[in-house]
Amino acid sequence: MSLDASEVKKIAHLARLAIDEADVPRYASNLSDILSLVEQMNRVDTHGVVPMAHPLDMNQRLRPDEVSETVERDRYQAIAPAVENGLYLVPKVIE
C-alpha cells in the first residue's frame, strides 16, 4: 500500500502532529514501507502455529520470595524536616 501526500497530512492531522511540508514525501515513503511490511507479514500462513510467549522453551530462573530489607521508617523520618503521624510533610506546590 502506498500513501500519498494528502493521506500523510490527514494522518498527521488526526494524530495532532505538526509536520513540515518538506518532510511529507519522506513520511509518505516511510509509512508506505511499514504498511508494505505489514501486508507481507499478513500473507504468511500461520495456520497451525501455536502462539508462544517466548521463543526459547525454558523456565525462567526465579529467586526465592524472601524479605531482604527491614522497615526503617522511624530512622528515616528522624532526619526528615517535617513528619506527622508517620507521613512526610512537604511544601504545597500547587495553589
Protein backbone atom coordinates (compact mmCIF):
# COMPACT_ATOMS: atom_id res chain seq x y z
CA MET A 1 0.00 0.00 0.00
CA SER A 2 1.38 3.36 -0.99
CA LEU A 3 0.41 6.57 0.74
CA ASP A 4 0.29 9.92 -0.99
CA ALA A 5 0.90 13.37 0.48
CA SER A 6 -2.76 14.08 1.23
CA GLU A 7 -3.10 10.86 3.23
CA VAL A 8 0.02 11.65 5.24
CA LYS A 9 -1.34 15.12 6.02
CA LYS A 10 -4.68 13.60 7.08
CA ILE A 11 -2.92 11.09 9.37
CA ALA A 12 -0.82 13.88 10.86
CA HIS A 13 -3.95 15.95 11.46
CA LEU A 14 -5.74 13.03 13.15
CA ALA A 15 -2.68 12.41 15.33
CA ARG A 16 -2.42 16.14 16.06
CA LEU A 17 1.14 16.24 14.72
CA ALA A 18 2.65 19.25 13.03
CA ILE A 19 4.91 18.26 10.16
CA ASP A 20 6.77 20.42 7.69
CA GLU A 21 5.63 20.37 4.09
CA ALA A 22 9.17 19.42 3.02
CA ASP A 23 9.06 16.29 5.22
CA VAL A 24 5.79 14.94 3.83
CA PRO A 25 7.39 12.87 1.00
CA ARG A 26 9.79 11.22 3.45
CA TYR A 27 6.93 10.41 5.84
CA ALA A 28 4.90 9.01 2.94
CA SER A 29 7.77 6.77 1.92
CA ASN A 30 8.47 5.54 5.46
CA LEU A 31 4.81 4.88 6.25
CA SER A 32 4.33 3.11 2.92
CA ASP A 33 7.31 0.85 3.70
CA ILE A 34 5.83 0.00 7.09
CA LEU A 35 2.44 -0.80 5.59
CA SER A 36 4.08 -2.96 2.91
CA LEU A 37 5.89 -4.93 5.61
CA VAL A 38 2.61 -5.45 7.48
CA GLU A 39 0.96 -6.68 4.27
CA GLN A 40 3.86 -9.05 3.67
CA MET A 41 3.60 -10.41 7.21
CA ASN A 42 -0.18 -10.87 6.84
CA ARG A 43 0.40 -13.08 3.78
CA VAL A 44 2.39 -15.62 5.82
CA ASP A 45 0.40 -18.79 6.54
CA THR A 46 0.26 -19.15 10.33
CA HIS A 47 -2.39 -21.89 10.39
CA GLY A 48 -1.41 -24.46 13.00
CA VAL A 49 1.28 -22.28 14.60
CA VAL A 50 0.89 -22.24 18.36
CA PRO A 51 1.31 -18.77 19.90
CA MET A 52 4.17 -18.52 22.35
CA ALA A 53 5.22 -16.05 24.99
CA HIS A 54 8.95 -16.53 24.42
CA PRO A 55 10.96 -18.03 21.55
CA LEU A 56 13.02 -20.21 23.91
CA ASP A 57 11.24 -23.13 25.57
CA MET A 58 12.77 -22.85 29.03
CA ASN A 59 11.83 -21.88 32.56
CA GLN A 60 12.87 -18.55 33.97
CA ARG A 61 15.26 -18.55 36.89
CA LEU A 62 13.43 -17.11 39.85
CA ARG A 63 14.82 -16.07 43.19
CA PRO A 64 13.07 -17.15 46.38
CA ASP A 65 10.45 -14.67 47.57
CA GLU A 66 12.07 -13.71 50.86
CA VAL A 67 12.17 -10.45 52.81
CA SER A 68 15.58 -8.91 52.30
CA GLU A 69 15.10 -5.48 53.90
CA THR A 70 13.73 -4.36 57.23
CA VAL A 71 11.35 -1.47 57.81
CA GLU A 72 13.34 1.51 58.99
CA ARG A 73 10.72 4.22 58.68
CA ASP A 74 11.37 5.65 62.14
CA ARG A 75 15.09 6.01 61.41
CA TYR A 76 14.47 7.78 58.09
CA GLN A 77 11.78 10.04 59.50
CA ALA A 78 14.01 11.08 62.39
CA ILE A 79 16.13 13.11 59.94
CA ALA A 80 13.20 14.44 57.88
CA PRO A 81 12.43 18.18 58.17
CA ALA A 82 8.73 17.61 58.91
CA VAL A 83 6.79 14.45 59.81
CA GLU A 84 3.29 13.96 61.18
CA ASN A 85 1.56 10.66 62.05
CA GLY A 86 4.19 8.66 60.14
CA LEU A 87 3.86 10.75 56.96
CA TYR A 88 6.36 13.16 55.43
CA LEU A 89 5.10 16.74 55.25
CA VAL A 90 6.12 18.66 52.13
CA PRO A 91 5.54 22.23 50.99
CA LYS A 92 2.46 22.92 48.92
CA VAL A 93 3.44 23.27 45.25
CA ILE A 94 0.06 23.91 43.64
CA GLU A 95 -2.03 26.89 44.60
